[in-house]
Amino acid sequence: MKYSIVKIATLIGARRIGEADAQIGWLLTDSRSLCFPEETLFFALRSSRNDGHKYISDLYRRGVRCFVVEARGMQEFCPDRDREMPDANFLVVPSPLAALQRLAERHRDEFDIPIVGITGSNGKTMVKEWLYQILSADRVVTRSPKSYNSQIGVPLSVWLLNEQTQVGLFEAGISQPGEMDALHDIIQPTIGVLTSLGAAHQENFRSLEEKCMEKLLLFHGAKVIAYNSDDDVVSRCIRRSGYKGEKIGWSRENVSAPLYIDDISL
């Protein structure tokens, strides 16, 4: 599934510099992973340790012609772009990361199919791969590569949805409060799975309850969620969340639970 560079500029609200035509099928945030330069849109992301803008010149020499940039970064690292990069397209935005997330969100809007959102402290990738093995026998499934569940990994994963996809399986991981809202808007799950609640990243949350409530934001609007009803914190937070969809709580203790697990064999 491809988008014109003009369409992408509109979707992310960018100011376009350049007039070359381009059809985009691939999104890139790591210059080392370049595969199809003529169809690639590079997002020049900044972090505390690196700045994607400094790789633009090298990527241009390798065939990339479309870049999402900050105005300051473009001026700093591409001062002679008119002469050195005459056929490049620069989409100028306040935040390339926010633009990446926005583009993935708009891409997700194109699909009216079951989408499973998976979060939890542990087991996200394992559950995703189990579901993939079960479902892929008779459905076309698009899933997160590896453990792509971060603020960058989730939009790159959702971008992989295509015309053949019948089911989507996507992980969402958070490390601090305020991160799940963006991931929810990108994944927009119709089915939610909460794997477990544990100590991972607990130092950034005041309590397990706060972390659980943040994770549950992923399931806003989902039709059904599956979770461990034996976990008192999880059950209490789901009640507090006001979730209105179907609840499938699995249990090893309560025989009347929607999903009672009688035995686990390793």
C-alpha atoms as a PDB file:
ATOM      1  CA  MET A   1       0.000   0.000   0.000  1.00  0.00           C
ATOM      2  CA  LYS A   2       1.568   3.260  -1.123  1.00  0.00           C
ATOM      3  CA  TYR A   3       0.857   6.933  -0.545  1.00  0.00           C
ATOM      4  CA  SER A   4       1.966   9.876  -2.651  1.00  0.00           C
ATOM      5  CA  ILE A   5       4.322  12.313  -0.958  1.00  0.00           C
ATOM      6  CA  VAL A   6       1.665  15.000  -1.488  1.00  0.00           C
ATOM      7  CA  LYS A   7      -0.911  12.883   0.366  1.00  0.00           C
ATOM      8  CA  ILE A   8       1.494  12.207   3.226  1.00  0.00           C
ATOM      9  CA  ALA A   9       2.284  15.899   3.583  1.00  0.00           C
ATOM     10  CA  THR A  10      -1.440  16.534   3.991  1.00  0.00           C
ATOM     11  CA  LEU A  11      -1.959  13.683   6.452  1.00  0.00           C
ATOM     12  CA  ILE A  12       0.798  14.858   8.806  1.00  0.00           C
ATOM     13  CA  GLY A  13       0.228  18.580   8.328  1.00  0.00           C
ATOM     14  CA  ALA A  14       3.709  19.225   6.923  1.00  0.00           C
ATOM     15  CA  ARG A  15       5.129  22.134   4.964  1.00  0.00           C
ATOM     16  CA  ARG A  16       6.562  20.608   1.803  1.00  0.00           C
ATOM     17  CA  ILE A  17       9.828  21.832   0.311  1.00  0.00           C
ATOM     18  CA  GLY A  18      10.485  20.242  -3.077  1.00  0.00           C
ATOM     19  CA  GLU A  19       8.335  19.269  -6.022  1.00  0.00           C
ATOM     20  CA  ALA A  20       9.580  15.821  -7.045  1.00  0.00           C
ATOM     21  CA  ASP A  21       6.903  13.160  -7.361  1.00  0.00           C
ATOM     22  CA  ALA A  22       7.242  10.106  -5.127  1.00  0.00           C
ATOM     23  CA  GLN A  23       5.222   7.097  -4.002  1.00  0.00           C
ATOM     24  CA  ILE A  24       5.979   5.976  -0.453  1.00  0.00           C
ATOM     25  CA  GLY A  25       5.726   2.374   0.681  1.00  0.00           C
ATOM     26  CA  TRP A  26       8.441   2.221   3.354  1.00  0.00           C
ATOM     27  CA  LEU A  27       9.076   4.236   6.513  1.00  0.00           C
ATOM     28  CA  LEU A  28      12.596   4.509   7.883  1.00  0.00           C
ATOM     29  CA  THR A  29      13.959   5.758  11.211  1.00  0.00           C
ATOM     30  CA  ASP A  30      17.301   3.902  11.235  1.00  0.00           C
ATOM     31  CA  SER A  31      19.586   4.640   8.286  1.00  0.00           C
ATOM     32  CA  ARG A  32      21.227   1.225   8.645  1.00  0.00           C
ATOM     33  CA  SER A  33      17.979  -0.532   7.665  1.00  0.00           C
ATOM     34  CA  LEU A  34      17.534   1.017   4.218  1.00  0.00           C
ATOM     35  CA  CYS A  35      16.165  -1.419   1.593  1.00  0.00           C
ATOM     36  CA  PHE A  36      14.115   0.379  -1.062  1.00  0.00           C
ATOM     37  CA  PRO A  37      15.382   3.973  -1.223  1.00  0.00           C
ATOM     38  CA  GLU A  38      13.150   5.171  -4.051  1.00  0.00           C
ATOM     39  CA  GLU A  39       9.993   4.326  -2.011  1.00  0.00           C
ATOM     40  CA  THR A  40      11.336   5.291   1.421  1.00  0.00           C
ATOM     41  CA  LEU A  41      10.344   8.180   3.669  1.00  0.00           C
ATOM     42  CA  PHE A  42      12.983   8.897   6.309  1.00  0.00           C
ATOM     43  CA  PHE A  43      11.958  10.414   9.649  1.00  0.00           C
ATOM     44  CA  ALA A  44      14.839  12.376  11.177  1.00  0.00           C
ATOM     45  CA  LEU A  45      14.212  11.601  14.839  1.00  0.00           C
ATOM     46  CA  ARG A  46      16.062  13.291  17.675  1.00  0.00           C
ATOM     47  CA  SER A  47      17.033  11.568  20.918  1.00  0.00           C
ATOM     48  CA  SER A  48      19.279  12.376  23.859  1.00  0.00           C
ATOM     49  CA  ARG A  49      22.109  10.480  22.144  1.00  0.00           C
ATOM     50  CA  ASN A  50      21.588  11.012  18.426  1.00  0.00           C
ATOM     51  CA  ASP A  51      20.029  13.182  15.734  1.00  0.00           C
ATOM     52  CA  GLY A  52      18.585  11.664  12.576  1.00  0.00           C
ATOM     53  CA  HIS A  53      19.124  14.874  10.618  1.00  0.00           C
ATOM     54  CA  LYS A  54      22.843  14.183  10.362  1.00  0.00           C
ATOM     55  CA  TYR A  55      22.160  11.084   8.229  1.00  0.00           C
ATOM     56  CA  ILE A  56      20.138  12.889   5.558  1.00  0.00           C
ATOM     57  CA  SER A  57      23.077  13.639   3.227  1.00  0.00           C
ATOM     58  CA  ASP A  58      24.280  10.036   3.306  1.00  0.00           C
ATOM     59  CA  LEU A  59      20.773   8.690   2.682  1.00  0.00           C
ATOM     60  CA  TYR A  60      20.374  11.056  -0.252  1.00  0.00           C
ATOM     61  CA  ARG A  61      23.571   9.669  -1.780  1.00  0.00           C
ATOM     62  CA  ARG A  62      22.118   6.183  -1.297  1.00  0.00           C
ATOM     63  CA  GLY A  63      18.950   7.061  -3.219  1.00  0.00           C
ATOM     64  CA  VAL A  64      16.464   8.348  -0.631  1.00  0.00           C
ATOM     65  CA  ARG A  65      14.603  11.450  -1.793  1.00  0.00           C
ATOM     66  CA  CYS A  66      11.941  12.020   0.872  1.00  0.00           C
ATOM     67  CA  PHE A  67      12.564  13.226   4.420  1.00  0.00           C
ATOM     68  CA  VAL A  68      10.487  14.336   7.407  1.00  0.00           C
ATOM     69  CA  VAL A  69      12.493  16.957   9.283  1.00  0.00           C
ATOM     70  CA  GLU A  70      12.468  19.774  11.786  1.00  0.00           C
ATOM     71  CA  ALA A  71      13.255  23.186  10.327  1.00  0.00           C
ATOM     72  CA  ARG A  72      16.192  23.663  12.712  1.00  0.00           C
ATOM     73  CA  GLY A  73      17.686  20.269  11.904  1.00  0.00           C
ATOM     74  CA  MET A  74      17.362  20.804   8.162  1.00  0.00           C
ATOM     75  CA  GLN A  75      19.092  24.177   8.376  1.00  0.00           C
ATOM     76  CA  GLU A  76      21.877  22.763  10.545  1.00  0.00           C
ATOM     77  CA  PHE A  77      22.673  19.599   8.598  1.00  0.00           C
ATOM     78  CA  CYS A  78      21.458  20.460   5.068  1.00  0.00           C
ATOM     79  CA  PRO A  79      22.424  24.113   4.550  1.00  0.00           C
ATOM     80  CA  ASP A  80      23.143  23.603   0.818  1.00  0.00           C
ATOM     81  CA  ARG A  81      20.165  21.366   0.068  1.00  0.00           C
ATOM     82  CA  ASP A  82      19.088  23.370  -3.025  1.00  0.00           C
ATOM     83  CA  ARG A  83      22.431  22.697  -4.668  1.00  0.00           C
ATOM     84  CA  GLU A  84      23.342  19.301  -3.203  1.00  0.00           C
ATOM     85  CA  MET A  85      19.847  17.739  -3.076  1.00  0.00           C
ATOM     86  CA  PRO A  86      17.928  19.345  -5.955  1.00  0.00           C
ATOM     87  CA  ASP A  87      15.273  16.625  -6.291  1.00  0.00           C
ATOM     88  CA  ALA A  88      14.642  15.950  -2.593  1.00  0.00           C
ATOM     89  CA  ASN A  89      11.327  16.391  -0.794  1.00  0.00           C
ATOM     90  CA  PHE A  90      11.476  17.790   2.734  1.00  0.00           C
ATOM     91  CA  LEU A  91       8.338  17.613   4.867  1.00  0.00           C
ATOM     92  CA  VAL A  92       8.897  20.124   7.646  1.00  0.00           C
ATOM     93  CA  VAL A  93       7.097  19.486  10.935  1.00  0.00           C
ATOM     94  CA  PRO A  94       7.523  20.495  14.594  1.00  0.00           C
ATOM     95  CA  SER A  95       8.227  16.878  15.619  1.00  0.00           C
ATOM     96  CA  PRO A  96       9.172  14.031  13.246  1.00  0.00           C
ATOM     97  CA  LEU A  97       8.185  11.501  15.938  1.00  0.00           C
ATOM     98  CA  ALA A  98       4.705  12.992  16.275  1.00  0.00           C
ATOM     99  CA  ALA A  99       4.462  13.032  12.468  1.00  0.00           C
ATOM    100  CA  LEU A 100       5.413   9.343  12.310  1.00  0.00           C
ATOM    101  CA  GLN A 101       2.736   8.494  14.845  1.00  0.00           C
ATOM    102  CA  ARG A 102       0.165  10.652  13.073  1.00  0.00           C
ATOM    103  CA  LEU A 103       0.845   8.992   9.722  1.00  0.00           C
ATOM    104  CA  ALA A 104       0.470   5.506  11.220  1.00  0.00           C
ATOM    105  CA  GLU A 105      -2.765   6.580  12.892  1.00  0.00           C
ATOM    106  CA  ARG A 106      -4.215   7.795   9.599  1.00  0.00           C
ATOM    107  CA  HIS A 107      -3.064   4.579   7.903  1.00  0.00           C
ATOM    108  CA  ARG A 108      -4.804   2.514  10.601  1.00  0.00           C
ATOM    109  CA  ASP A 109      -8.040   4.392   9.863  1.00  0.00           C
ATOM    110  CA  GLU A 110      -8.110   2.730   6.439  1.00  0.00           C
ATOM    111  CA  PHE A 111      -8.755  -0.748   7.900  1.00  0.00           C
ATOM    112  CA  ASP A 112     -12.037  -2.078   9.274  1.00  0.00           C
ATOM    113  CA  ILE A 113     -10.695  -5.423  10.465  1.00  0.00           C
ATOM    114  CA  PRO A 114     -10.081  -7.150  13.813  1.00  0.00           C
ATOM    115  CA  ILE A 115      -7.050  -5.613  15.503  1.00  0.00           C
ATOM    116  CA  VAL A 116      -5.631  -7.210  18.655  1.00  0.00           C
ATOM    117  CA  GLY A 117      -3.742  -4.902  21.012  1.00  0.00           C
ATOM    118  CA  ILE A 118      -1.484  -6.674  23.514  1.00  0.00           C
ATOM    119  CA  THR A 119       0.064  -5.036  26.554  1.00  0.00           C
ATOM    120  CA  GLY A 120       1.388  -6.068  29.950  1.00  0.00           C
ATOM    121  CA  SER A 121       4.599  -6.159  31.944  1.00  0.00           C
ATOM    122  CA  ASN A 122       5.734  -9.488  30.498  1.00  0.00           C
ATOM    123  CA  GLY A 123       4.795 -11.942  27.784  1.00  0.00           C
ATOM    124  CA  LYS A 124       3.618  -9.538  25.065  1.00  0.00           C
ATOM    125  CA  THR A 125       5.777 -10.975  22.307  1.00  0.00           C
ATOM    126  CA  MET A 126       5.114 -14.569  23.319  1.00  0.00           C
ATOM    127  CA  VAL A 127       1.330 -14.087  23.311  1.00  0.00           C
ATOM    128  CA  LYS A 128       1.525 -12.254  19.976  1.00  0.00           C
ATOM    129  CA  GLU A 129       3.477 -15.124  18.410  1.00  0.00           C
ATOM    130  CA  TRP A 130       1.108 -17.734  19.858  1.00  0.00           C
ATOM    131  CA  LEU A 131      -1.860 -15.905  18.376  1.00  0.00           C
ATOM    132  CA  TYR A 132      -0.045 -15.589  15.060  1.00  0.00           C
ATOM    133  CA  GLN A 133       0.589 -19.345  14.937  1.00  0.00           C
ATOM    134  CA  ILE A 134      -3.085 -20.033  15.634  1.00  0.00           C
ATOM    135  CA  LEU A 135      -4.603 -17.465  13.288  1.00  0.00           C
ATOM    136  CA  SER A 136      -2.223 -17.530  10.336  1.00  0.00           C
ATOM    137  CA  ALA A 137      -3.327 -21.012   9.304  1.00  0.00           C
ATOM    138  CA  ASP A 138      -6.427 -19.609   7.619  1.00  0.00           C
ATOM    139  CA  ARG A 139      -6.098 -15.799   7.780  1.00  0.00           C
ATOM    140  CA  VAL A 140      -3.681 -13.193   6.501  1.00  0.00           C
ATOM    141  CA  VAL A 141      -2.167 -11.766   9.684  1.00  0.00           C
ATOM    142  CA  THR A 142       0.007  -8.677  10.055  1.00  0.00           C
ATOM    143  CA  ARG A 143       1.918  -8.506  13.329  1.00  0.00           C
ATOM    144  CA  SER A 144       4.536  -6.426  15.094  1.00  0.00           C
ATOM    145  CA  PRO A 145       8.046  -7.433  14.016  1.00  0.00           C
ATOM    146  CA  LYS A 146      10.092  -8.802  16.912  1.00  0.00           C
ATOM    147  CA  SER A 147       9.258  -6.673  19.982  1.00  0.00           C
ATOM    148  CA  TYR A 148       8.308  -3.454  18.190  1.00  0.00           C
ATOM    149  CA  ASN A 149       6.137  -2.020  20.960  1.00  0.00           C
ATOM    150  CA  SER A 150       7.588   1.432  21.669  1.00  0.00           C
ATOM    151  CA  GLN A 151       6.608   4.948  20.635  1.00  0.00           C
ATOM    152  CA  ILE A 152       8.624   4.333  17.442  1.00  0.00           C
ATOM    153  CA  GLY A 153       8.076   0.602  17.038  1.00  0.00           C
ATOM    154  CA  VAL A 154       4.273   0.707  17.181  1.00  0.00           C
ATOM    155  CA  PRO A 155       3.799   3.126  14.254  1.00  0.00           C
ATOM    156  CA  LEU A 156       6.332   1.196  12.180  1.00  0.00           C
ATOM    157  CA  SER A 157       4.375  -1.993  12.942  1.00  0.00           C
ATOM    158  CA  VAL A 158       0.945  -0.588  12.116  1.00  0.00           C
ATOM    159  CA  TRP A 159       2.295   0.819   8.839  1.00  0.00           C
ATOM    160  CA  LEU A 160       2.715  -2.821   7.707  1.00  0.00           C
ATOM    161  CA  LEU A 161      -1.073  -3.249   7.394  1.00  0.00           C
ATOM    162  CA  ASN A 162      -1.920  -3.772   3.728  1.00  0.00           C
ATOM    163  CA  GLU A 163      -4.785  -4.620   1.395  1.00  0.00           C
ATOM    164  CA  GLN A 164      -4.449  -8.358   2.096  1.00  0.00           C
ATOM    165  CA  THR A 165      -4.430  -8.094   5.908  1.00  0.00           C
ATOM    166  CA  GLN A 166      -7.382  -9.760   7.630  1.00  0.00           C
ATOM    167  CA  VAL A 167      -6.183  -9.548  11.255  1.00  0.00           C
ATOM    168  CA  GLY A 168      -3.647  -7.309  12.986  1.00  0.00           C
ATOM    169  CA  LEU A 169      -1.621  -8.261  16.087  1.00  0.00           C
ATOM    170  CA  PHE A 170       0.255  -5.413  17.744  1.00  0.00           C
ATOM    171  CA  GLU A 171       2.156  -5.040  21.005  1.00  0.00           C
ATOM    172  CA  ALA A 172       2.169  -1.850  23.068  1.00  0.00           C
ATOM    173  CA  GLY A 173       4.800  -1.222  25.723  1.00  0.00           C
ATOM    174  CA  ILE A 174       5.105   1.744  28.079  1.00  0.00           C
ATOM    175  CA  SER A 175       7.781   2.830  30.532  1.00  0.00           C
ATOM    176  CA  GLN A 176       6.185   5.902  32.122  1.00  0.00           C
ATOM    177  CA  PRO A 177       2.853   7.688  32.535  1.00  0.00           C
ATOM    178  CA  GLY A 178       1.421   9.478  29.522  1.00  0.00           C
ATOM    179  CA  GLU A 179       2.744   7.115  26.851  1.00  0.00           C
ATOM    180  CA  MET A 180      -0.266   4.896  26.164  1.00  0.00           C
ATOM    181  CA  ASP A 181      -2.565   7.535  24.698  1.00  0.00           C
ATOM    182  CA  ALA A 182      -0.470   7.814  21.530  1.00  0.00           C
ATOM    183  CA  LEU A 183      -0.182   4.033  21.173  1.00  0.00           C
ATOM    184  CA  HIS A 184      -3.936   3.602  21.572  1.00  0.00           C
ATOM    185  CA  ASP A 185      -4.635   6.109  18.805  1.00  0.00           C
ATOM    186  CA  ILE A 186      -2.245   4.281  16.472  1.00  0.00           C
ATOM    187  CA  ILE A 187      -3.386   0.698  17.178  1.00  0.00           C
ATOM    188  CA  GLN A 188      -7.086   1.346  17.901  1.00  0.00           C
ATOM    189  CA  PRO A 189      -7.600  -2.272  19.000  1.00  0.00           C
ATOM    190  CA  THR A 190     -10.933  -3.992  18.672  1.00  0.00           C
ATOM    191  CA  ILE A 191      -9.717  -6.810  20.946  1.00  0.00           C
ATOM    192  CA  GLY A 192      -7.459  -6.288  23.967  1.00  0.00           C
ATOM    193  CA  VAL A 193      -5.163  -8.683  25.820  1.00  0.00           C
ATOM    194  CA  LEU A 194      -3.513  -7.793  29.134  1.00  0.00           C
ATOM    195  CA  THR A 195      -0.850 -10.409  29.713  1.00  0.00           C
ATOM    196  CA  SER A 196       0.346  -9.658  33.245  1.00  0.00           C
ATOM    197  CA  LEU A 197       1.150  -6.916  35.701  1.00  0.00           C
ATOM    198  CA  GLY A 198       4.640  -6.965  37.165  1.00  0.00           C
ATOM    199  CA  ALA A 199       7.624  -4.933  38.309  1.00  0.00           C
ATOM    200  CA  ALA A 200       8.984  -3.810  34.915  1.00  0.00           C
ATOM    201  CA  HIS A 201       9.434   0.019  34.845  1.00  0.00           C
ATOM    202  CA  GLN A 202       7.755   0.261  38.246  1.00  0.00           C
ATOM    203  CA  GLU A 203      10.259   2.955  39.253  1.00  0.00           C
ATOM    204  CA  ASN A 204       8.423   5.389  36.976  1.00  0.00           C
ATOM    205  CA  PHE A 205       4.998   4.765  38.531  1.00  0.00           C
ATOM    206  CA  ARG A 206       3.739   5.602  42.000  1.00  0.00           C
ATOM    207  CA  SER A 207       1.937   2.274  42.340  1.00  0.00           C
ATOM    208  CA  LEU A 208       0.949  -0.877  40.480  1.00  0.00           C
ATOM    209  CA  GLU A 209      -2.532   0.576  40.201  1.00  0.00           C
ATOM    210  CA  GLU A 210      -1.235   3.655  38.390  1.00  0.00           C
ATOM    211  CA  LYS A 211       0.686   1.490  35.943  1.00  0.00           C
ATOM    212  CA  CYS A 212      -2.289  -0.794  35.373  1.00  0.00           C
ATOM    213  CA  MET A 213      -4.616   2.140  34.707  1.00  0.00           C
ATOM    214  CA  GLU A 214      -2.122   3.499  32.157  1.00  0.00           C
ATOM    215  CA  LYS A 215      -1.967   0.142  30.377  1.00  0.00           C
ATOM    216  CA  LEU A 216      -5.749  -0.130  30.302  1.00  0.00           C
ATOM    217  CA  LEU A 217      -5.914   3.081  28.247  1.00  0.00           C
ATOM    218  CA  LEU A 218      -4.954   0.912  25.266  1.00  0.00           C
ATOM    219  CA  PHE A 219      -8.342  -0.804  25.425  1.00  0.00           C
ATOM    220  CA  HIS A 220     -10.546   2.273  25.280  1.00  0.00           C
ATOM    221  CA  GLY A 221     -13.161   1.512  22.623  1.00  0.00           C
ATOM    222  CA  ALA A 222     -12.207  -2.166  22.282  1.00  0.00           C
ATOM    223  CA  LYS A 223     -15.099  -4.607  21.988  1.00  0.00           C
ATOM    224  CA  VAL A 224     -13.572  -7.237  24.285  1.00  0.00           C
ATOM    225  CA  ILE A 225     -10.620  -7.623  26.650  1.00  0.00           C
ATOM    226  CA  ALA A 226      -8.970 -10.742  28.072  1.00  0.00           C
ATOM    227  CA  TYR A 227      -7.093 -10.580  31.366  1.00  0.00           C
ATOM    228  CA  ASN A 228      -6.114 -12.491  34.491  1.00  0.00           C
ATOM    229  CA  SER A 229      -9.069 -12.151  36.838  1.00  0.00           C
ATOM    230  CA  ASP A 230      -7.073 -13.796  39.651  1.00  0.00           C
ATOM    231  CA  ASP A 231      -4.975 -10.625  39.865  1.00  0.00           C
ATOM    232  CA  ASP A 232      -6.814  -8.405  42.334  1.00  0.00           C
ATOM    233  CA  VAL A 233      -5.070  -5.224  41.142  1.00  0.00           C
ATOM    234  CA  VAL A 234      -6.023  -5.884  37.514  1.00  0.00           C
ATOM    235  CA  SER A 235      -9.638  -6.730  38.334  1.00  0.00           C
ATOM    236  CA  ARG A 236      -9.976  -3.669  40.550  1.00  0.00           C
ATOM    237  CA  CYS A 237      -8.486  -1.361  37.904  1.00  0.00           C
ATOM    238  CA  ILE A 238     -10.770  -2.725  35.194  1.00  0.00           C
ATOM    239  CA  ARG A 239     -13.764  -1.917  37.390  1.00  0.00           C
ATOM    240  CA  ARG A 240     -12.377   1.579  38.024  1.00  0.00           C
ATOM    241  CA  SER A 241     -11.745   2.149  34.331  1.00  0.00           C
ATOM    242  CA  GLY A 242     -15.448   1.945  33.519  1.00  0.00           C
ATOM    243  CA  TYR A 243     -14.763  -0.376  30.589  1.00  0.00           C
ATOM    244  CA  LYS A 244     -18.086  -1.174  28.875  1.00  0.00           C
ATOM    245  CA  GLY A 245     -17.108  -3.978  26.497  1.00  0.00           C
ATOM    246  CA  GLU A 246     -17.078  -7.719  27.014  1.00  0.00           C
ATOM    247  CA  LYS A 247     -14.697  -8.934  29.725  1.00  0.00           C
ATOM    248  CA  ILE A 248     -13.061 -12.347  29.445  1.00  0.00           C
ATOM    249  CA  GLY A 249     -11.262 -12.921  32.722  1.00  0.00           C
ATOM    250  CA  TRP A 250      -9.298 -16.140  32.853  1.00  0.00           C
ATOM    251  CA  SER A 251      -8.832 -17.857  36.176  1.00  0.00           C
ATOM    252  CA  ARG A 252      -7.113 -20.847  37.741  1.00  0.00           C
ATOM    253  CA  GLU A 253      -9.142 -20.424  40.933  1.00  0.00           C
ATOM    254  CA  ASN A 254     -12.720 -19.532  39.988  1.00  0.00           C
ATOM    255  CA  VAL A 255     -14.555 -22.325  38.155  1.00  0.00           C
ATOM    256  CA  SER A 256     -17.333 -19.904  37.158  1.00  0.00           C
ATOM    257  CA  ALA A 257     -14.938 -17.499  35.399  1.00  0.00           C
ATOM    258  CA  PRO A 258     -15.535 -16.899  31.662  1.00  0.00           C
ATOM    259  CA  LEU A 259     -12.358 -18.903  31.036  1.00  0.00           C
ATOM    260  CA  TYR A 260     -11.454 -21.399  33.740  1.00  0.00           C
ATOM    261  CA  ILE A 261      -8.007 -22.977  33.401  1.00  0.00           C
ATOM    262  CA  ASP A 262      -8.073 -26.431  34.939  1.00  0.00           C
ATOM    263  CA  ASP A 263      -4.525 -27.479  34.194  1.00  0.00           C
ATOM    264  CA  ILE A 264      -1.265 -26.104  32.778  1.00  0.00           C
ATOM    265  CA  SER A 265       1.172 -28.570  31.230  1.00  0.00           C
ATOM    266  CA  LEU A 266       4.710 -27.549  30.335  1.00  0.00           C
END
